[in-house]
N, C-alpha and C. Protein backbone atom coordinates (compact mmCIF):
# COMPACT_ATOMS: atom_id res chain seq x y z
N MET A 1 117.60 131.75 86.83
CA MET A 1 118.20 130.64 86.14
C MET A 1 117.38 130.35 84.88
N ALA A 2 118.03 130.14 83.78
CA ALA A 2 117.35 129.85 82.52
C ALA A 2 116.76 128.45 82.56
N LYS A 3 115.61 128.30 81.91
CA LYS A 3 114.98 126.99 81.83
C LYS A 3 115.36 126.33 80.52
N VAL A 4 115.48 125.01 80.56
CA VAL A 4 115.86 124.21 79.41
C VAL A 4 114.73 123.23 79.12
N LYS A 5 114.55 122.88 77.85
CA LYS A 5 113.52 121.91 77.49
C LYS A 5 113.87 120.55 78.08
N LEU A 6 112.86 119.89 78.64
CA LEU A 6 113.05 118.58 79.24
C LEU A 6 113.63 117.59 78.24
N ALA A 7 113.15 117.60 77.01
CA ALA A 7 113.63 116.66 75.99
C ALA A 7 115.13 116.80 75.77
N ASN A 8 115.65 118.03 75.83
CA ASN A 8 117.09 118.25 75.64
C ASN A 8 117.90 117.64 76.79
N ILE A 9 117.39 117.77 78.00
CA ILE A 9 118.09 117.21 79.16
C ILE A 9 118.07 115.69 79.11
N VAL A 10 116.91 115.11 78.79
CA VAL A 10 116.79 113.65 78.72
C VAL A 10 117.72 113.10 77.64
N THR A 11 117.74 113.73 76.48
CA THR A 11 118.62 113.27 75.40
C THR A 11 120.08 113.32 75.84
N HIS A 12 120.49 114.42 76.43
CA HIS A 12 121.87 114.56 76.89
C HIS A 12 122.21 113.49 77.93
N CYS A 13 121.35 113.33 78.92
CA CYS A 13 121.61 112.34 79.98
C CYS A 13 121.67 110.93 79.42
N ASN A 14 120.74 110.58 78.53
CA ASN A 14 120.74 109.24 77.95
C ASN A 14 121.98 108.98 77.11
N GLN A 15 122.43 109.98 76.35
CA GLN A 15 123.63 109.82 75.54
C GLN A 15 124.89 109.72 76.40
N THR A 16 124.91 110.46 77.50
CA THR A 16 126.08 110.47 78.37
C THR A 16 126.13 109.26 79.30
N LEU A 17 125.01 108.95 79.93
CA LEU A 17 124.98 107.90 80.96
C LEU A 17 124.66 106.51 80.42
N LYS A 18 124.01 106.44 79.25
CA LYS A 18 123.65 105.17 78.62
C LYS A 18 122.95 104.21 79.59
N PRO A 19 121.80 104.60 80.14
CA PRO A 19 121.13 103.77 81.15
C PRO A 19 120.75 102.38 80.65
N GLU A 20 120.55 102.22 79.35
CA GLU A 20 120.19 100.90 78.82
C GLU A 20 121.34 99.90 78.92
N SER A 21 122.56 100.38 79.17
CA SER A 21 123.72 99.49 79.24
C SER A 21 123.90 98.87 80.63
N PHE A 22 123.12 99.30 81.62
CA PHE A 22 123.24 98.78 82.98
C PHE A 22 122.37 97.55 83.16
N GLU A 23 122.96 96.51 83.75
CA GLU A 23 122.15 95.36 84.15
C GLU A 23 121.54 95.72 85.50
N ASP A 24 120.26 95.55 85.61
CA ASP A 24 119.55 95.91 86.83
C ASP A 24 118.54 94.83 87.13
N TRP A 25 117.89 94.91 88.25
CA TRP A 25 116.89 93.91 88.59
C TRP A 25 115.65 94.11 87.71
N PRO A 26 114.90 93.04 87.46
CA PRO A 26 113.70 93.15 86.61
C PRO A 26 112.73 94.20 87.16
N GLY A 27 112.22 95.02 86.30
CA GLY A 27 111.28 96.06 86.72
C GLY A 27 111.92 97.37 87.11
N ALA A 28 113.25 97.42 87.17
CA ALA A 28 113.93 98.66 87.53
C ALA A 28 113.71 99.70 86.44
N MET A 29 113.57 100.95 86.86
CA MET A 29 113.39 102.05 85.92
C MET A 29 114.59 102.98 86.02
N ASN A 30 115.38 103.03 84.97
CA ASN A 30 116.51 103.95 84.91
C ASN A 30 116.17 105.04 83.91
N GLY A 31 116.50 106.27 84.25
CA GLY A 31 116.21 107.38 83.36
C GLY A 31 115.18 108.31 83.97
N LEU A 32 114.48 109.03 83.11
CA LEU A 32 113.50 110.03 83.55
C LEU A 32 112.41 109.37 84.39
N GLN A 33 112.15 109.93 85.56
CA GLN A 33 111.12 109.41 86.46
C GLN A 33 109.91 110.33 86.57
N VAL A 34 110.12 111.62 86.45
CA VAL A 34 109.04 112.61 86.59
C VAL A 34 109.16 113.59 85.44
N GLU A 35 108.07 113.80 84.71
CA GLU A 35 108.14 114.77 83.62
C GLU A 35 107.18 115.92 83.86
N ASN A 36 107.38 116.98 83.11
CA ASN A 36 106.54 118.17 83.24
C ASN A 36 106.19 118.70 81.86
N HIS A 37 105.44 119.78 81.84
CA HIS A 37 105.03 120.38 80.56
C HIS A 37 105.77 121.68 80.28
N GLY A 38 106.62 122.12 81.19
CA GLY A 38 107.33 123.38 81.01
C GLY A 38 108.82 123.16 80.92
N GLY A 39 109.56 124.21 81.18
CA GLY A 39 111.00 124.13 81.17
C GLY A 39 111.53 123.55 82.46
N VAL A 40 112.79 123.21 82.47
CA VAL A 40 113.43 122.61 83.63
C VAL A 40 114.49 123.57 84.14
N SER A 41 114.46 123.85 85.44
CA SER A 41 115.48 124.71 86.04
C SER A 41 116.28 123.98 87.11
N ARG A 42 115.83 122.78 87.53
CA ARG A 42 116.55 121.98 88.52
C ARG A 42 116.41 120.51 88.15
N ILE A 43 117.43 119.73 88.46
CA ILE A 43 117.33 118.29 88.31
C ILE A 43 117.88 117.63 89.56
N ALA A 44 117.48 116.40 89.80
CA ALA A 44 117.98 115.63 90.94
C ALA A 44 118.40 114.26 90.45
N ALA A 45 119.37 113.70 91.11
CA ALA A 45 119.79 112.33 90.84
C ALA A 45 119.67 111.56 92.15
N ALA A 46 119.08 110.39 92.09
CA ALA A 46 118.88 109.61 93.29
C ALA A 46 118.86 108.13 92.95
N VAL A 47 119.16 107.30 93.93
CA VAL A 47 119.08 105.86 93.73
C VAL A 47 117.63 105.45 93.54
N ASP A 48 116.74 105.99 94.34
CA ASP A 48 115.31 105.72 94.24
C ASP A 48 114.55 107.03 94.16
N ALA A 49 113.64 107.13 93.20
CA ALA A 49 112.80 108.32 93.09
C ALA A 49 111.70 108.23 94.15
N THR A 50 111.64 109.23 95.01
CA THR A 50 110.63 109.26 96.07
C THR A 50 110.02 110.65 96.13
N PRO A 51 108.87 110.80 96.77
CA PRO A 51 108.31 112.14 96.95
C PRO A 51 109.29 113.08 97.67
N ALA A 52 110.06 112.55 98.60
CA ALA A 52 111.02 113.39 99.32
C ALA A 52 112.09 113.94 98.38
N THR A 53 112.55 113.14 97.42
CA THR A 53 113.53 113.60 96.44
C THR A 53 112.98 114.76 95.64
N VAL A 54 111.73 114.62 95.19
CA VAL A 54 111.09 115.68 94.40
C VAL A 54 110.93 116.94 95.24
N LYS A 55 110.45 116.81 96.46
CA LYS A 55 110.24 117.98 97.33
C LYS A 55 111.55 118.70 97.62
N LYS A 56 112.61 117.96 97.87
CA LYS A 56 113.91 118.58 98.15
C LYS A 56 114.46 119.29 96.92
N THR A 57 114.21 118.73 95.74
CA THR A 57 114.66 119.38 94.50
C THR A 57 113.92 120.68 94.28
N ILE A 58 112.62 120.67 94.49
CA ILE A 58 111.81 121.88 94.33
C ILE A 58 112.27 122.96 95.31
N ALA A 59 112.59 122.56 96.53
CA ALA A 59 112.98 123.52 97.56
C ALA A 59 114.39 124.07 97.36
N ALA A 60 115.22 123.40 96.59
CA ALA A 60 116.63 123.81 96.42
C ALA A 60 116.73 125.13 95.68
């Protein structure tokens, strides 16, 4: 699977999903939760970012 630059994925997701337009509880974090220094070959979407979400994404 080809890897894509993280910045390209974040830009696309932010333009498509517009996370800043959601009203959420104070302190909520919408958008990128975990970043890396290399390319991206898998992404996950979850209500809450947890270590289990990251581990399952890596294993997929």
